[in-house]
């Protein structure tokens, strides 16, 4: 009797695990790269500071970005307003100005979306501006 009860219990547990694994996971925001590091930049060789930041919806429902903002004088020029379908990619276009003096680069772009597990996702831009010796 006990072995039969245990067998039924194991079958029920296995069925529950299968049902949970088969559930939809919803939209999922995923950066192509989570950050960009300029490394060391020299004042006499300043790069263009426009950037296309790529991401995708790795979930199984449409991803909707409700807000994209940036800090520290970084301008968000364009971001997708239409839903990103499962498996599709999107691009956020930003630009900023680097001051012509030695300093540390530390910028962020923050995306708010309907991804229930990661409703706020941060992209970081780092580096160092120095004078050439």
N, C-alpha and C. Protein backbone atom coordinates (compact mmCIF):
# COMPACT_ATOMS: atom_id res chain seq x y z
N UNK A 1 0.82 -1.19 0.00
CA UNK A 1 0.00 0.00 0.00
C UNK A 1 0.86 1.26 0.00
N UNK A 2 1.91 1.26 0.82
CA UNK A 2 2.79 2.42 0.90
C UNK A 2 3.53 2.62 -0.41
N UNK A 3 4.02 1.55 -1.02
CA UNK A 3 4.73 1.69 -2.29
C UNK A 3 3.81 2.20 -3.39
N UNK A 4 2.55 1.76 -3.35
CA UNK A 4 1.59 2.26 -4.35
C UNK A 4 1.33 3.76 -4.14
N UNK A 5 1.18 4.18 -2.90
CA UNK A 5 0.97 5.60 -2.59
C UNK A 5 2.18 6.43 -3.01
N UNK A 6 3.37 5.91 -2.76
CA UNK A 6 4.59 6.62 -3.16
C UNK A 6 4.69 6.71 -4.68
N UNK A 7 4.31 5.65 -5.38
CA UNK A 7 4.33 5.66 -6.84
C UNK A 7 3.38 6.72 -7.38
N UNK A 8 2.20 6.79 -6.82
CA UNK A 8 1.22 7.80 -7.26
C UNK A 8 1.75 9.20 -6.96
N UNK A 9 2.34 9.38 -5.80
CA UNK A 9 2.91 10.68 -5.43
C UNK A 9 4.01 11.09 -6.41
N UNK A 10 4.91 10.18 -6.77
CA UNK A 10 5.97 10.49 -7.73
C UNK A 10 5.41 10.83 -9.10
N UNK A 11 4.37 10.12 -9.50
CA UNK A 11 3.73 10.41 -10.80
C UNK A 11 3.13 11.81 -10.78
N UNK A 12 2.46 12.17 -9.71
CA UNK A 12 1.85 13.50 -9.59
C UNK A 12 2.92 14.60 -9.60
N UNK A 13 4.02 14.36 -8.90
CA UNK A 13 5.12 15.34 -8.89
C UNK A 13 5.70 15.49 -10.29
N UNK A 14 5.92 14.41 -10.98
CA UNK A 14 6.46 14.46 -12.34
C UNK A 14 5.52 15.21 -13.27
N UNK A 15 4.21 14.97 -13.13
CA UNK A 15 3.24 15.68 -13.97
C UNK A 15 3.23 17.17 -13.66
N UNK A 16 3.37 17.53 -12.39
CA UNK A 16 3.40 18.95 -12.00
C UNK A 16 4.63 19.64 -12.58
N UNK A 17 5.77 18.98 -12.52
CA UNK A 17 7.00 19.54 -13.07
C UNK A 17 6.86 19.72 -14.58
N UNK A 18 6.28 18.76 -15.26
CA UNK A 18 6.07 18.86 -16.71
C UNK A 18 5.15 20.02 -17.05
N UNK A 19 4.10 20.21 -16.26
CA UNK A 19 3.16 21.30 -16.51
C UNK A 19 3.83 22.65 -16.31
N UNK A 20 4.63 22.77 -15.26
CA UNK A 20 5.33 24.04 -15.00
C UNK A 20 6.33 24.33 -16.10
N UNK A 21 7.07 23.33 -16.55
CA UNK A 21 8.07 23.52 -17.60
C UNK A 21 7.42 23.93 -18.92
N UNK A 22 6.20 23.53 -19.17
CA UNK A 22 5.52 23.83 -20.41
C UNK A 22 4.83 25.19 -20.42
N UNK A 23 4.83 25.89 -19.28
CA UNK A 23 4.15 27.18 -19.20
C UNK A 23 4.89 28.23 -20.01
N UNK A 24 4.14 29.23 -20.45
CA UNK A 24 4.75 30.36 -21.15
C UNK A 24 5.60 31.15 -20.17
N UNK A 25 6.69 31.72 -20.67
CA UNK A 25 7.52 32.50 -19.78
C UNK A 25 7.33 34.00 -19.99
N UNK A 26 6.56 34.39 -20.99
CA UNK A 26 6.29 35.81 -21.23
C UNK A 26 7.40 36.46 -22.02
N UNK A 27 7.35 37.80 -22.14
CA UNK A 27 8.40 38.51 -22.86
C UNK A 27 9.70 38.50 -22.05
N UNK A 28 10.83 38.53 -22.76
CA UNK A 28 12.13 38.52 -22.06
C UNK A 28 13.10 39.46 -22.78
N UNK A 29 13.48 40.54 -22.10
CA UNK A 29 14.40 41.53 -22.65
C UNK A 29 15.83 41.04 -22.47
N UNK A 30 16.60 40.95 -23.58
CA UNK A 30 17.98 40.47 -23.51
C UNK A 30 18.87 41.38 -24.34
N UNK A 31 19.88 41.99 -23.70
CA UNK A 31 20.86 42.81 -24.43
C UNK A 31 21.74 41.91 -25.29
N UNK A 32 22.15 42.39 -26.47
CA UNK A 32 23.15 41.66 -27.26
C UNK A 32 24.46 41.67 -26.48
N UNK A 33 24.83 42.84 -25.96
CA UNK A 33 25.96 43.01 -25.03
C UNK A 33 25.42 43.86 -23.88
N UNK A 34 25.78 43.56 -22.66
CA UNK A 34 25.25 44.29 -21.50
C UNK A 34 25.94 45.62 -21.25
N UNK A 35 27.10 45.82 -21.90
CA UNK A 35 27.84 47.06 -21.67
C UNK A 35 28.80 47.30 -22.83
N UNK A 36 29.35 48.53 -22.84
CA UNK A 36 30.37 48.86 -23.82
C UNK A 36 31.48 49.60 -23.09
N UNK A 37 32.72 49.15 -23.26
CA UNK A 37 33.88 49.76 -22.62
C UNK A 37 34.75 50.39 -23.70
N UNK A 38 34.85 51.71 -23.68
CA UNK A 38 35.71 52.40 -24.63
C UNK A 38 37.19 52.16 -24.32
N UNK A 39 37.50 51.69 -23.14
CA UNK A 39 38.89 51.55 -22.75
C UNK A 39 39.48 52.94 -22.53
N UNK A 40 40.74 53.11 -22.93
CA UNK A 40 41.38 54.43 -22.82
C UNK A 40 41.26 55.17 -24.13
N UNK A 41 40.75 56.39 -24.05
CA UNK A 41 40.61 57.29 -25.20
C UNK A 41 41.54 58.47 -24.96
N UNK A 42 42.26 58.86 -26.00
CA UNK A 42 43.17 60.01 -25.87
C UNK A 42 42.51 61.26 -26.44
N UNK A 43 42.81 62.40 -25.81
CA UNK A 43 42.21 63.67 -26.20
C UNK A 43 42.44 64.01 -27.66
N UNK A 44 43.57 63.59 -28.22
CA UNK A 44 43.86 63.90 -29.62
C UNK A 44 43.24 62.90 -30.60
N UNK A 45 42.45 61.96 -30.09
CA UNK A 45 41.83 60.93 -30.95
C UNK A 45 40.45 60.54 -30.39
N UNK A 46 39.58 61.53 -30.23
CA UNK A 46 38.26 61.29 -29.64
C UNK A 46 37.35 60.61 -30.67
N UNK A 47 36.66 59.52 -30.28
CA UNK A 47 35.78 58.80 -31.21
C UNK A 47 34.41 59.47 -31.34
N UNK A 48 33.68 59.03 -32.36
CA UNK A 48 32.28 59.44 -32.47
C UNK A 48 31.52 58.77 -31.33
N UNK A 49 30.62 59.50 -30.75
CA UNK A 49 29.92 58.95 -29.59
C UNK A 49 28.43 58.76 -29.88
N UNK A 50 28.16 58.21 -31.05
CA UNK A 50 26.82 57.73 -31.38
C UNK A 50 26.89 56.22 -31.32
N UNK A 51 25.82 55.62 -30.83
CA UNK A 51 25.86 54.18 -30.62
C UNK A 51 24.49 53.57 -30.88
N UNK A 52 24.49 52.41 -31.52
CA UNK A 52 23.29 51.60 -31.68
C UNK A 52 23.40 50.44 -30.71
N UNK A 53 22.50 50.39 -29.74
CA UNK A 53 22.52 49.34 -28.73
C UNK A 53 21.45 48.31 -29.12
N UNK A 54 21.88 47.09 -29.34
CA UNK A 54 20.96 46.05 -29.81
C UNK A 54 20.47 45.17 -28.66
N UNK A 55 19.23 44.75 -28.79
CA UNK A 55 18.61 43.85 -27.82
C UNK A 55 17.64 42.93 -28.57
N UNK A 56 17.14 41.93 -27.88
CA UNK A 56 16.16 41.03 -28.51
C UNK A 56 15.13 40.58 -27.48
N UNK A 57 14.04 40.03 -28.00
CA UNK A 57 13.02 39.43 -27.16
C UNK A 57 13.25 37.93 -27.21
N UNK A 58 13.82 37.38 -26.15
CA UNK A 58 14.09 35.95 -26.08
C UNK A 58 12.96 35.19 -25.38
N UNK A 59 11.85 35.89 -25.15
CA UNK A 59 10.69 35.26 -24.53
C UNK A 59 9.75 34.69 -25.57
N UNK A 60 8.53 34.39 -25.12
CA UNK A 60 7.55 33.79 -26.03
C UNK A 60 6.27 34.62 -26.16
N UNK A 61 6.33 35.89 -25.72
CA UNK A 61 5.22 36.83 -25.88
C UNK A 61 5.81 38.17 -26.33
N UNK A 62 5.00 39.06 -26.92
CA UNK A 62 5.52 40.36 -27.37
C UNK A 62 6.12 41.19 -26.23
N UNK A 63 7.26 41.80 -26.52
CA UNK A 63 7.97 42.67 -25.57
C UNK A 63 7.62 44.12 -25.90
N UNK A 64 7.20 44.88 -24.88
CA UNK A 64 6.85 46.28 -25.07
C UNK A 64 7.75 47.14 -24.19
N UNK A 65 8.48 48.07 -24.82
CA UNK A 65 9.29 49.02 -24.06
C UNK A 65 8.40 50.20 -23.69
N UNK A 66 8.29 50.49 -22.42
CA UNK A 66 7.44 51.60 -22.00
C UNK A 66 8.24 52.88 -21.79
N UNK A 67 9.55 52.76 -21.57
CA UNK A 67 10.38 53.94 -21.39
C UNK A 67 11.85 53.58 -21.63
N UNK A 68 12.58 54.51 -22.22
CA UNK A 68 14.03 54.38 -22.36
C UNK A 68 14.61 55.73 -22.00
N UNK A 69 15.48 55.74 -21.00
CA UNK A 69 16.10 57.00 -20.60
C UNK A 69 17.58 56.77 -20.35
N UNK A 70 18.30 57.88 -20.36
CA UNK A 70 19.75 57.80 -20.17
C UNK A 70 20.19 58.90 -19.20
N UNK A 71 21.36 58.74 -18.66
CA UNK A 71 21.86 59.72 -17.70
C UNK A 71 23.02 60.52 -18.27
N UNK A 72 23.41 61.52 -17.52
CA UNK A 72 24.69 62.23 -17.71
C UNK A 72 24.84 62.86 -19.09
N UNK A 73 23.82 63.47 -19.61
CA UNK A 73 23.93 64.12 -20.91
C UNK A 73 23.86 63.19 -22.10
N UNK A 74 23.49 61.96 -21.88
CA UNK A 74 23.31 61.01 -22.97
C UNK A 74 21.90 61.17 -23.51
N UNK A 75 21.79 61.29 -24.81
CA UNK A 75 20.49 61.50 -25.44
C UNK A 75 20.03 60.20 -26.12
N UNK A 76 18.79 59.83 -25.85
CA UNK A 76 18.18 58.69 -26.53
C UNK A 76 17.49 59.26 -27.76
N UNK A 77 18.02 58.97 -28.94
CA UNK A 77 17.47 59.50 -30.19
C UNK A 77 16.29 58.70 -30.72
N UNK A 78 16.35 57.39 -30.51
CA UNK A 78 15.31 56.54 -31.09
C UNK A 78 15.26 55.22 -30.33
N UNK A 79 14.02 54.71 -30.14
CA UNK A 79 13.81 53.39 -29.56
C UNK A 79 12.49 52.84 -30.06
N UNK A 80 12.35 51.53 -30.14
CA UNK A 80 11.14 50.92 -30.71
C UNK A 80 9.90 51.20 -29.87
N UNK A 81 8.88 51.74 -30.50
CA UNK A 81 7.60 51.99 -29.82
C UNK A 81 6.62 50.84 -30.05
N UNK A 82 6.82 50.09 -31.12
CA UNK A 82 5.96 48.94 -31.41
C UNK A 82 6.47 47.71 -30.66
N UNK A 83 5.57 46.77 -30.37
CA UNK A 83 6.01 45.55 -29.69
C UNK A 83 7.08 44.80 -30.49
N UNK A 84 8.02 44.22 -29.78
CA UNK A 84 9.07 43.37 -30.36
C UNK A 84 8.56 41.93 -30.19
N UNK A 85 8.35 41.26 -31.30
CA UNK A 85 7.80 39.91 -31.26
C UNK A 85 8.86 38.90 -30.79
N UNK A 86 8.44 37.75 -30.26
CA UNK A 86 9.41 36.74 -29.81
C UNK A 86 10.41 36.40 -30.92
N UNK A 87 11.69 36.42 -30.55
CA UNK A 87 12.76 36.10 -31.50
C UNK A 87 13.24 37.29 -32.30
N UNK A 88 12.53 38.43 -32.25
CA UNK A 88 12.94 39.62 -33.01
C UNK A 88 13.90 40.48 -32.20
N UNK A 89 14.59 41.36 -32.95
CA UNK A 89 15.55 42.27 -32.34
C UNK A 89 15.09 43.71 -32.45
N UNK A 90 15.65 44.55 -31.61
CA UNK A 90 15.39 45.99 -31.65
C UNK A 90 16.68 46.75 -31.44
N UNK A 91 16.64 48.05 -31.72
CA UNK A 91 17.83 48.90 -31.59
C UNK A 91 17.44 50.18 -30.86
N UNK A 92 18.28 50.58 -29.93
CA UNK A 92 18.14 51.86 -29.24
C UNK A 92 19.31 52.71 -29.72
N UNK A 93 19.00 53.89 -30.28
CA UNK A 93 20.04 54.78 -30.81
C UNK A 93 20.29 55.90 -29.80
N UNK A 94 21.55 56.04 -29.39
CA UNK A 94 21.91 57.08 -28.43
C UNK A 94 23.09 57.89 -28.95
N UNK A 95 23.31 59.04 -28.32
CA UNK A 95 24.53 59.82 -28.57
C UNK A 95 24.84 60.65 -27.34
N UNK A 96 26.11 60.98 -27.20
CA UNK A 96 26.54 61.83 -26.09
C UNK A 96 27.84 62.52 -26.49
N UNK A 97 28.21 63.50 -25.71
CA UNK A 97 29.43 64.25 -25.97
C UNK A 97 30.44 63.94 -24.87
N UNK A 98 31.68 63.74 -25.27
CA UNK A 98 32.74 63.56 -24.29
C UNK A 98 33.44 64.90 -24.10
N UNK A 99 33.60 65.29 -22.86
CA UNK A 99 34.29 66.55 -22.57
C UNK A 99 35.76 66.42 -22.97
N UNK A 100 36.34 67.48 -23.58
CA UNK A 100 37.73 67.42 -24.03
C UNK A 100 38.72 67.67 -22.87
N UNK A 101 38.63 66.83 -21.89
CA UNK A 101 39.52 66.88 -20.72
C UNK A 101 39.61 65.47 -20.14
N UNK A 102 40.66 65.18 -19.40
CA UNK A 102 40.76 63.85 -18.78
C UNK A 102 39.59 63.61 -17.81
N UNK A 103 38.95 62.47 -17.95
CA UNK A 103 37.87 62.09 -17.04
C UNK A 103 37.49 60.63 -17.25
N UNK A 104 36.74 60.12 -16.30
CA UNK A 104 36.23 58.76 -16.38
C UNK A 104 34.87 58.80 -17.08
N UNK A 105 34.64 57.87 -18.00
CA UNK A 105 33.36 57.76 -18.69
C UNK A 105 32.48 56.77 -17.92
N UNK A 106 31.30 57.21 -17.55
CA UNK A 106 30.35 56.35 -16.85
C UNK A 106 28.94 56.81 -17.23
N UNK A 107 28.33 56.10 -18.16
CA UNK A 107 26.99 56.43 -18.65
C UNK A 107 26.11 55.21 -18.52
N UNK A 108 24.81 55.45 -18.40
CA UNK A 108 23.86 54.34 -18.38
C UNK A 108 22.65 54.65 -19.25
N UNK A 109 22.09 53.58 -19.80
CA UNK A 109 20.83 53.64 -20.52
C UNK A 109 19.91 52.65 -19.80
N UNK A 110 18.74 53.14 -19.38
CA UNK A 110 17.82 52.32 -18.60
C UNK A 110 16.55 52.08 -19.41
N UNK A 111 16.21 50.81 -19.58
CA UNK A 111 15.03 50.41 -20.34
C UNK A 111 13.99 49.84 -19.38
N UNK A 112 12.77 50.34 -19.48
CA UNK A 112 11.65 49.80 -18.72
C UNK A 112 10.75 49.06 -19.71
N UNK A 113 10.40 47.82 -19.38
CA UNK A 113 9.60 47.00 -20.30
C UNK A 113 8.60 46.14 -19.54
N UNK A 114 7.87 45.34 -20.28
CA UNK A 114 6.90 44.43 -19.67
C UNK A 114 7.49 43.05 -19.35
N UNK A 115 8.81 42.95 -19.31
CA UNK A 115 9.48 41.72 -18.88
C UNK A 115 9.29 41.60 -17.36
N UNK A 116 8.47 40.65 -16.93
CA UNK A 116 8.12 40.54 -15.51
C UNK A 116 9.31 40.21 -14.62
N UNK A 117 10.31 39.53 -15.15
CA UNK A 117 11.49 39.15 -14.35
C UNK A 117 12.58 40.21 -14.37
N UNK A 118 12.48 41.16 -15.31
CA UNK A 118 13.53 42.17 -15.46
C UNK A 118 12.89 43.43 -16.06
N UNK A 119 12.03 44.07 -15.30
CA UNK A 119 11.28 45.21 -15.85
C UNK A 119 12.16 46.43 -16.09
N UNK A 120 13.30 46.51 -15.40
CA UNK A 120 14.27 47.60 -15.62
C UNK A 120 15.62 46.98 -15.94
N UNK A 121 16.11 47.25 -17.13
CA UNK A 121 17.39 46.69 -17.55
C UNK A 121 18.35 47.83 -17.86
N UNK A 122 19.59 47.70 -17.42
CA UNK A 122 20.57 48.78 -17.54
C UNK A 122 21.72 48.38 -18.46
N UNK A 123 22.03 49.28 -19.41
CA UNK A 123 23.19 49.14 -20.29
C UNK A 123 24.22 50.16 -19.80
N UNK A 124 25.47 49.74 -19.61
CA UNK A 124 26.51 50.63 -19.07
C UNK A 124 27.57 50.94 -20.13
N UNK A 125 28.01 52.19 -20.13
CA UNK A 125 29.08 52.65 -21.02
C UNK A 125 30.19 53.17 -20.11
N UNK A 126 31.40 52.63 -20.30
CA UNK A 126 32.51 53.02 -19.43
C UNK A 126 33.74 53.33 -20.28
N UNK A 127 34.74 53.87 -19.63
CA UNK A 127 36.00 54.17 -20.29
C UNK A 127 36.74 55.26 -19.54
N UNK A 128 37.85 55.69 -20.13
CA UNK A 128 38.69 56.71 -19.52
C UNK A 128 39.24 57.62 -20.63
N UNK A 129 39.10 58.94 -20.46
CA UNK A 129 39.69 59.91 -21.38
C UNK A 129 40.95 60.44 -20.73
N UNK A 130 42.08 60.39 -21.48
CA UNK A 130 43.37 60.82 -20.93
C UNK A 130 44.13 61.64 -21.97
N UNK A 131 45.10 62.39 -21.47
CA UNK A 131 46.03 63.08 -22.37
C UNK A 131 47.11 62.09 -22.75
N UNK A 132 47.55 62.17 -24.01
CA UNK A 132 48.62 61.30 -24.46
C UNK A 132 49.94 61.82 -23.90
N UNK A 133 50.77 60.91 -23.42
CA UNK A 133 52.05 61.34 -22.82
C UNK A 133 53.13 61.51 -23.85
